Amino acid sequence: MLLTILAAYPLSKSTATFRARQKYVWFFLISMLFTGGMIPTYLIVRYTGLIDTIWSLILPTAVPVFSVILLQNYFKGLPGELSESAQIDGASHWRILFQLYLPLSKPVLAVLVLFSAFNHWNSWVDGMLYINDTTKYPLQTYLQTIVVDVDPTRINSLRDIGELCQENSNAAQVFLSIIPILLIYPFLQKHFANGIVLGAVKG
């Protein structure tokens, strides 16, 4: 979220204020439309020494371009007079961003936090690709490894009943893993629709 905010704020300024804005807009747009793919991304993570570290799960998706576009459109919709009056009073861009823009952006920030939380919470592929040590698996990757072995059609012996009990345990783990999202969602849901509209429509 911090990187998204720091990218969206300068992009919301006009070309007169931020002369290189157009170049960065094209850079973000191209990176959103065209990706190198799974193998080049894996090679980059590997040769930068991030394999088997938590950073391999964070850095490759640290700046979601869709979220940057949504937030910069919201920032553009805020009255320009707010930042102009703050600059006249001597406020720096950092102070304008953190004390003026962000308090006014709670609805769209709630939406982006929800998007980010769901994307990371549901992502199990990254753990399979970048983490070799099974003891370091994130929760969703761990759950995927225990779920893929489930075969509920085998109940022909006492041993199979024992295996079914293990499958029940696995199902319970899957259910428990969704509780944090269920607890967070009601607090952010009231901002969801409002934030989407405000961030998607300029002006």
Protein backbone atom coordinates (compact mmCIF):
# COMPACT_ATOMS: atom_id res chain seq x y z
CA MET A 1 0.00 0.00 0.00
CA LEU A 2 2.83 2.40 0.81
CA LEU A 3 4.43 1.86 -2.61
CA THR A 4 1.04 2.25 -4.31
CA ILE A 5 0.45 5.57 -2.54
CA LEU A 6 3.94 6.86 -3.33
CA ALA A 7 3.48 5.96 -7.01
CA ALA A 8 -0.06 7.34 -7.33
CA TYR A 9 0.56 10.76 -5.77
CA PRO A 10 3.08 12.12 -8.32
CA LEU A 11 1.13 10.57 -11.21
CA SER A 12 -1.94 12.54 -10.10
CA LYS A 13 -0.10 15.82 -10.70
CA SER A 14 -0.20 17.69 -14.00
CA THR A 15 2.66 17.60 -16.50
CA ALA A 16 3.49 21.19 -15.57
CA THR A 17 4.16 20.11 -11.98
CA PHE A 18 5.73 16.72 -12.74
CA ARG A 19 7.43 16.94 -16.14
CA ALA A 20 8.31 13.24 -16.40
CA ARG A 21 4.73 12.19 -15.64
CA GLN A 22 3.92 11.05 -19.19
CA LYS A 23 6.94 8.73 -19.31
CA TYR A 24 6.01 7.07 -16.03
CA VAL A 25 2.37 6.69 -17.12
CA TRP A 26 3.51 4.78 -20.21
CA PHE A 27 5.92 2.73 -18.12
CA PHE A 28 3.15 1.63 -15.74
CA LEU A 29 0.70 1.04 -18.57
CA ILE A 30 3.09 -1.19 -20.52
CA SER A 31 4.01 -3.15 -17.38
CA MET A 32 0.30 -3.77 -16.76
CA LEU A 33 -0.48 -4.93 -20.32
CA PHE A 34 2.67 -6.96 -21.00
CA THR A 35 4.47 -9.23 -18.54
CA GLY A 36 7.57 -11.37 -18.96
CA GLY A 37 5.78 -14.48 -17.78
CA MET A 38 6.37 -17.05 -15.09
CA ILE A 39 9.82 -18.28 -16.14
CA PRO A 40 11.54 -14.86 -16.49
CA THR A 41 10.00 -13.78 -13.18
CA TYR A 42 11.29 -16.94 -11.51
CA LEU A 43 14.78 -16.37 -12.95
CA ILE A 44 14.82 -12.80 -11.65
CA VAL A 45 13.75 -13.95 -8.17
CA ARG A 46 16.36 -16.71 -8.25
CA TYR A 47 19.31 -14.63 -9.43
CA THR A 48 18.52 -11.84 -6.97
CA GLY A 49 18.83 -14.38 -4.14
CA LEU A 50 15.22 -14.18 -2.99
CA ILE A 51 14.38 -17.89 -3.22
CA ASP A 52 13.21 -19.30 0.13
CA THR A 53 12.70 -15.83 1.61
CA ILE A 54 9.52 -13.93 2.41
CA TRP A 55 10.63 -11.18 -0.01
CA SER A 56 10.05 -13.52 -2.95
CA LEU A 57 6.34 -13.42 -2.03
CA ILE A 58 6.24 -9.63 -1.60
CA LEU A 59 8.49 -7.85 -4.10
CA PRO A 60 7.30 -9.34 -7.44
CA THR A 61 3.76 -8.04 -6.78
CA ALA A 62 4.64 -5.06 -4.58
CA VAL A 63 3.15 -2.40 -6.89
CA PRO A 64 -0.16 -3.49 -8.48
CA VAL A 65 -0.62 -1.10 -11.40
CA PHE A 66 -4.42 -1.34 -11.31
CA SER A 67 -4.38 -0.04 -7.73
CA VAL A 68 -2.01 2.77 -8.70
CA ILE A 69 -4.36 3.88 -11.51
CA LEU A 70 -7.39 3.70 -9.23
CA LEU A 71 -5.72 5.77 -6.51
CA GLN A 72 -4.20 8.36 -8.84
CA ASN A 73 -7.63 8.94 -10.43
CA TYR A 74 -9.05 9.51 -6.96
CA PHE A 75 -6.26 11.96 -6.12
CA LYS A 76 -6.98 13.79 -9.38
CA GLY A 77 -10.60 14.19 -8.36
CA LEU A 78 -9.68 16.05 -5.18
CA PRO A 79 -9.90 19.86 -5.52
CA GLY A 80 -6.58 21.33 -6.63
CA GLU A 81 -7.18 24.30 -4.36
CA LEU A 82 -6.51 22.10 -1.34
CA SER A 83 -2.91 21.38 -2.26
CA GLU A 84 -2.36 24.91 -3.59
CA SER A 85 -3.48 26.51 -0.33
CA ALA A 86 -1.35 24.05 1.66
CA GLN A 87 1.71 24.91 -0.46
CA ILE A 88 1.08 28.63 0.11
CA ASP A 89 1.11 27.89 3.85
CA GLY A 90 4.51 26.20 3.42
CA ALA A 91 3.49 22.53 3.42
CA SER A 92 5.78 20.11 1.57
CA HIS A 93 4.52 17.38 -0.77
CA TRP A 94 5.07 14.81 1.99
CA ARG A 95 2.87 16.75 4.40
CA ILE A 96 0.20 17.32 1.74
CA LEU A 97 0.12 13.62 0.93
CA PHE A 98 0.02 12.21 4.47
CA GLN A 99 -1.93 14.91 6.28
CA LEU A 100 -4.27 16.12 3.56
CA TYR A 101 -4.76 13.58 0.77
CA LEU A 102 -4.75 10.32 2.73
CA PRO A 103 -7.32 11.35 5.37
CA LEU A 104 -9.63 12.31 2.48
CA SER A 105 -9.00 9.01 0.69
CA LYS A 106 -10.23 6.52 3.28
CA PRO A 107 -12.93 4.93 1.04
CA VAL A 108 -10.61 4.14 -1.86
CA LEU A 109 -7.80 3.11 0.50
CA ALA A 110 -10.19 0.64 2.16
CA VAL A 111 -10.94 -0.85 -1.26
CA LEU A 112 -7.26 -1.16 -2.15
CA VAL A 113 -6.46 -2.76 1.22
CA LEU A 114 -9.24 -5.28 0.56
CA PHE A 115 -7.94 -6.01 -2.96
CA SER A 116 -4.39 -6.43 -1.67
CA ALA A 117 -5.46 -8.64 1.24
CA PHE A 118 -7.51 -10.94 -0.99
CA ASN A 119 -4.80 -11.19 -3.64
CA HIS A 120 -2.10 -12.17 -1.16
CA TRP A 121 -4.38 -14.34 0.96
CA ASN A 122 -5.56 -16.41 -2.01
CA SER A 123 -2.17 -16.71 -3.70
CA TRP A 124 -0.68 -20.19 -3.34
CA VAL A 125 1.25 -20.39 -6.63
CA ASP A 126 3.98 -17.98 -5.49
CA GLY A 127 4.76 -20.19 -2.50
CA MET A 128 5.04 -23.25 -4.73
CA LEU A 129 7.37 -21.43 -7.14
CA TYR A 130 9.67 -19.51 -4.84
CA ILE A 131 9.72 -21.48 -1.58
CA ASN A 132 11.59 -24.79 -1.59
CA ASP A 133 11.53 -25.37 2.16
CA THR A 134 8.07 -26.71 3.04
CA THR A 135 8.40 -25.37 6.61
CA LYS A 136 8.37 -21.83 5.14
CA TYR A 137 5.22 -22.28 3.05
CA PRO A 138 2.60 -19.54 3.38
CA LEU A 139 -0.80 -20.68 4.63
CA GLN A 140 -2.51 -21.02 1.23
CA THR A 141 0.36 -23.02 -0.27
CA TYR A 142 0.30 -25.34 2.74
CA LEU A 143 -3.47 -25.80 2.39
CA GLN A 144 -3.10 -26.52 -1.32
CA THR A 145 -0.60 -29.28 -0.62
CA ILE A 146 -2.94 -31.04 1.82
CA VAL A 147 -6.09 -30.56 -0.28
CA VAL A 148 -4.72 -31.98 -3.55
CA ASP A 149 -4.33 -35.41 -1.95
CA VAL A 150 -7.99 -35.63 -0.84
CA ASP A 151 -9.89 -38.57 -2.35
CA PRO A 152 -13.22 -38.95 -0.51
CA THR A 153 -14.28 -42.04 -2.56
CA ARG A 154 -11.97 -44.40 -0.61
CA ILE A 155 -13.90 -45.68 2.43
CA ASN A 156 -13.48 -49.47 2.00
CA SER A 157 -11.58 -50.36 5.17
CA LEU A 158 -10.81 -49.23 8.69
CA ARG A 159 -7.58 -47.69 7.45
CA ASP A 160 -9.55 -45.69 4.88
CA ILE A 161 -11.84 -44.41 7.66
CA GLY A 162 -8.74 -43.16 9.45
CA GLU A 163 -7.66 -41.39 6.28
CA LEU A 164 -11.11 -39.84 6.01
CA CYS A 165 -10.70 -38.45 9.54
CA GLN A 166 -7.47 -36.83 8.35
CA GLU A 167 -9.39 -35.37 5.43
CA ASN A 168 -11.90 -33.92 7.90
CA SER A 169 -9.00 -32.35 9.76
CA ASN A 170 -7.74 -30.86 6.49
CA ALA A 171 -11.19 -29.45 5.74
CA ALA A 172 -11.28 -27.88 9.19
CA GLN A 173 -7.92 -26.22 8.54
CA VAL A 174 -9.21 -24.79 5.27
CA PHE A 175 -12.30 -23.42 7.03
CA LEU A 176 -10.23 -21.83 9.81
CA SER A 177 -7.99 -20.14 7.24
CA ILE A 178 -10.88 -18.02 5.90
CA ILE A 179 -11.85 -16.65 9.32
CA PRO A 180 -9.42 -13.65 9.22
CA ILE A 181 -10.87 -12.46 5.91
CA LEU A 182 -14.41 -12.95 7.20
CA LEU A 183 -13.55 -10.79 10.20
CA ILE A 184 -11.92 -8.02 8.15
CA TYR A 185 -14.43 -7.80 5.31
CA PRO A 186 -17.44 -6.37 7.25
CA PHE A 187 -15.37 -3.38 8.42
CA LEU A 188 -14.22 -2.52 4.88
CA GLN A 189 -17.36 -3.50 2.96
CA LYS A 190 -19.17 -0.22 3.68
CA HIS A 191 -16.39 1.64 1.84
CA PHE A 192 -16.18 -0.86 -1.02
CA ALA A 193 -18.78 0.38 -3.55
CA ASN A 194 -18.17 4.04 -2.73
CA GLY A 195 -14.40 3.66 -3.10
CA ILE A 196 -14.67 1.86 -6.44
CA VAL A 197 -16.85 4.61 -7.92
CA LEU A 198 -14.73 7.45 -6.54
CA GLY A 199 -11.48 5.93 -7.72
CA ALA A 200 -12.71 4.86 -11.14
CA VAL A 201 -14.40 8.11 -12.19
CA LYS A 202 -12.27 11.20 -12.67
CA GLY A 203 -13.62 14.62 -11.91
